[in-house]
């Protein structure tokens, strides 16, 4: 176990979970996803873009185990959401490119 990822041992009986079939799972505390649930859902359209990543950055995202596109998009989404409350002029001052 990697202590950096999971510092405390899990109390979950993973072998029991792996052995369960879909029919064994208790969904009674999860409401069904009916038309009312989806009524206010937002479909985020995607725009195809091409970006170039430095090799170590690309290697990091590839090592995460998911598709690199979804992982990079999730990171960028979190960044965008965290910056929405900061005025644009401050964002530009904070994020000037630093030569490597």
C-alpha atoms as a PDB file:
ATOM      1  CA  UNK A   1       0.000   0.000   0.000  1.00  0.00           C
ATOM      2  CA  UNK A   2       1.234   3.481  -0.855  1.00  0.00           C
ATOM      3  CA  UNK A   3       1.013   5.554   2.355  1.00  0.00           C
ATOM      4  CA  UNK A   4       1.114   8.809   0.370  1.00  0.00           C
ATOM      5  CA  UNK A   5      -2.129   7.883  -1.354  1.00  0.00           C
ATOM      6  CA  UNK A   6      -3.878   6.079   1.497  1.00  0.00           C
ATOM      7  CA  UNK A   7      -2.273   6.823   4.877  1.00  0.00           C
ATOM      8  CA  UNK A   8      -4.808   4.763   6.855  1.00  0.00           C
ATOM      9  CA  UNK A   9      -5.637   1.148   6.030  1.00  0.00           C
ATOM     10  CA  UNK A  10      -9.071   0.674   4.497  1.00  0.00           C
ATOM     11  CA  UNK A  11     -11.701  -1.025   6.641  1.00  0.00           C
ATOM     12  CA  UNK A  12     -13.566  -2.106   3.511  1.00  0.00           C
ATOM     13  CA  UNK A  13     -13.725  -5.836   2.833  1.00  0.00           C
ATOM     14  CA  UNK A  14     -12.610  -5.508  -0.793  1.00  0.00           C
ATOM     15  CA  UNK A  15     -12.671  -9.264  -1.445  1.00  0.00           C
ATOM     16  CA  UNK A  16     -16.357  -9.383  -0.446  1.00  0.00           C
ATOM     17  CA  UNK A  17     -17.081  -6.351  -2.647  1.00  0.00           C
ATOM     18  CA  UNK A  18     -15.293  -7.902  -5.650  1.00  0.00           C
ATOM     19  CA  UNK A  19     -17.260 -11.130  -5.212  1.00  0.00           C
ATOM     20  CA  UNK A  20     -20.646  -9.351  -5.226  1.00  0.00           C
ATOM     21  CA  UNK A  21     -22.871  -9.450  -8.269  1.00  0.00           C
ATOM     22  CA  UNK A  22     -25.054  -6.505  -9.285  1.00  0.00           C
ATOM     23  CA  UNK A  23     -28.056  -8.288  -7.778  1.00  0.00           C
ATOM     24  CA  UNK A  24     -26.312  -8.405  -4.366  1.00  0.00           C
ATOM     25  CA  UNK A  25     -25.955  -4.621  -4.152  1.00  0.00           C
ATOM     26  CA  UNK A  26     -28.504  -2.833  -1.946  1.00  0.00           C
ATOM     27  CA  UNK A  27     -29.691   0.279  -3.794  1.00  0.00           C
ATOM     28  CA  UNK A  28     -32.603   0.993  -1.423  1.00  0.00           C
ATOM     29  CA  UNK A  29     -31.060   4.242  -0.128  1.00  0.00           C
ATOM     30  CA  UNK A  30     -30.416   5.602  -3.645  1.00  0.00           C
ATOM     31  CA  UNK A  31     -33.396   7.247  -5.351  1.00  0.00           C
ATOM     32  CA  UNK A  32     -34.057   6.302  -8.979  1.00  0.00           C
ATOM     33  CA  UNK A  33     -32.863   8.726 -11.640  1.00  0.00           C
ATOM     34  CA  UNK A  34     -36.204   9.644 -13.184  1.00  0.00           C
ATOM     35  CA  UNK A  35     -37.199  12.413 -15.620  1.00  0.00           C
ATOM     36  CA  UNK A  36     -37.411  14.923 -12.749  1.00  0.00           C
ATOM     37  CA  UNK A  37     -33.746  14.313 -11.885  1.00  0.00           C
ATOM     38  CA  UNK A  38     -32.584  14.897 -15.470  1.00  0.00           C
ATOM     39  CA  UNK A  39     -34.847  17.925 -16.054  1.00  0.00           C
ATOM     40  CA  UNK A  40     -32.228  20.382 -14.751  1.00  0.00           C
ATOM     41  CA  UNK A  41     -29.151  18.531 -15.986  1.00  0.00           C
ATOM     42  CA  UNK A  42     -26.671  20.535 -18.033  1.00  0.00           C
ATOM     43  CA  UNK A  43     -24.990  18.956 -21.022  1.00  0.00           C
ATOM     44  CA  UNK A  44     -21.565  20.503 -21.401  1.00  0.00           C
ATOM     45  CA  UNK A  45     -20.676  20.598 -25.079  1.00  0.00           C
ATOM     46  CA  UNK A  46     -17.074  19.777 -25.839  1.00  0.00           C
ATOM     47  CA  UNK A  47     -14.852  21.688 -28.151  1.00  0.00           C
ATOM     48  CA  UNK A  48     -11.993  19.765 -29.679  1.00  0.00           C
ATOM     49  CA  UNK A  49      -8.653  21.417 -28.959  1.00  0.00           C
ATOM     50  CA  UNK A  50      -5.076  20.330 -29.317  1.00  0.00           C
ATOM     51  CA  UNK A  51      -2.588  21.210 -26.596  1.00  0.00           C
ATOM     52  CA  UNK A  52       1.085  20.410 -26.226  1.00  0.00           C
ATOM     53  CA  UNK A  53       2.276  19.196 -22.840  1.00  0.00           C
ATOM     54  CA  UNK A  54       5.810  18.986 -21.579  1.00  0.00           C
ATOM     55  CA  UNK A  55       6.946  15.334 -21.391  1.00  0.00           C
ATOM     56  CA  UNK A  56       6.988  15.138 -17.574  1.00  0.00           C
ATOM     57  CA  UNK A  57       3.491  16.653 -17.365  1.00  0.00           C
ATOM     58  CA  UNK A  58       2.140  14.206 -19.959  1.00  0.00           C
ATOM     59  CA  UNK A  59       3.827  11.299 -18.150  1.00  0.00           C
ATOM     60  CA  UNK A  60       2.224  12.347 -14.874  1.00  0.00           C
ATOM     61  CA  UNK A  61      -1.278  12.401 -16.349  1.00  0.00           C
ATOM     62  CA  UNK A  62      -0.725   9.103 -18.162  1.00  0.00           C
ATOM     63  CA  UNK A  63       0.396   7.521 -14.879  1.00  0.00           C
ATOM     64  CA  UNK A  64      -2.944   8.376 -13.243  1.00  0.00           C
ATOM     65  CA  UNK A  65      -4.575   5.389 -14.927  1.00  0.00           C
ATOM     66  CA  UNK A  66      -7.521   7.153 -16.570  1.00  0.00           C
ATOM     67  CA  UNK A  67      -7.664   8.558 -20.046  1.00  0.00           C
ATOM     68  CA  UNK A  68      -5.333  11.537 -20.210  1.00  0.00           C
ATOM     69  CA  UNK A  69      -7.984  13.696 -21.903  1.00  0.00           C
ATOM     70  CA  UNK A  70     -10.546  13.295 -19.102  1.00  0.00           C
ATOM     71  CA  UNK A  71      -7.934  13.755 -16.381  1.00  0.00           C
ATOM     72  CA  UNK A  72      -6.499  16.927 -17.911  1.00  0.00           C
ATOM     73  CA  UNK A  73     -10.007  18.264 -18.504  1.00  0.00           C
ATOM     74  CA  UNK A  74     -10.974  17.610 -14.862  1.00  0.00           C
ATOM     75  CA  UNK A  75      -7.858  19.407 -13.612  1.00  0.00           C
ATOM     76  CA  UNK A  76      -8.519  22.351 -15.912  1.00  0.00           C
ATOM     77  CA  UNK A  77     -12.206  22.429 -14.867  1.00  0.00           C
ATOM     78  CA  UNK A  78     -11.209  22.622 -11.180  1.00  0.00           C
ATOM     79  CA  UNK A  79      -8.733  25.388 -11.967  1.00  0.00           C
ATOM     80  CA  UNK A  80     -11.319  27.392 -13.913  1.00  0.00           C
ATOM     81  CA  UNK A  81     -13.870  27.052 -11.098  1.00  0.00           C
ATOM     82  CA  UNK A  82     -11.289  28.154  -8.508  1.00  0.00           C
ATOM     83  CA  UNK A  83     -10.443  31.286 -10.530  1.00  0.00           C
ATOM     84  CA  UNK A  84     -13.979  32.551 -11.171  1.00  0.00           C
ATOM     85  CA  UNK A  85     -14.071  34.767  -8.087  1.00  0.00           C
ATOM     86  CA  UNK A  86     -10.715  36.449  -8.870  1.00  0.00           C
ATOM     87  CA  UNK A  87     -10.786  39.568 -11.090  1.00  0.00           C
ATOM     88  CA  UNK A  88      -9.168  38.992 -14.501  1.00  0.00           C
ATOM     89  CA  UNK A  89      -6.424  41.590 -13.920  1.00  0.00           C
ATOM     90  CA  UNK A  90      -5.297  39.770 -10.767  1.00  0.00           C
ATOM     91  CA  UNK A  91      -5.308  36.443 -12.611  1.00  0.00           C
ATOM     92  CA  UNK A  92      -3.008  37.867 -15.275  1.00  0.00           C
ATOM     93  CA  UNK A  93      -0.616  39.250 -12.666  1.00  0.00           C
ATOM     94  CA  UNK A  94      -0.543  36.005 -10.693  1.00  0.00           C
ATOM     95  CA  UNK A  95       0.054  33.744 -13.674  1.00  0.00           C
ATOM     96  CA  UNK A  96       2.811  35.390 -15.652  1.00  0.00           C
ATOM     97  CA  UNK A  97       4.878  32.741 -17.354  1.00  0.00           C
ATOM     98  CA  UNK A  98       8.101  31.854 -15.597  1.00  0.00           C
ATOM     99  CA  UNK A  99      10.862  30.737 -17.989  1.00  0.00           C
ATOM    100  CA  UNK A 100      12.178  27.246 -17.287  1.00  0.00           C
END
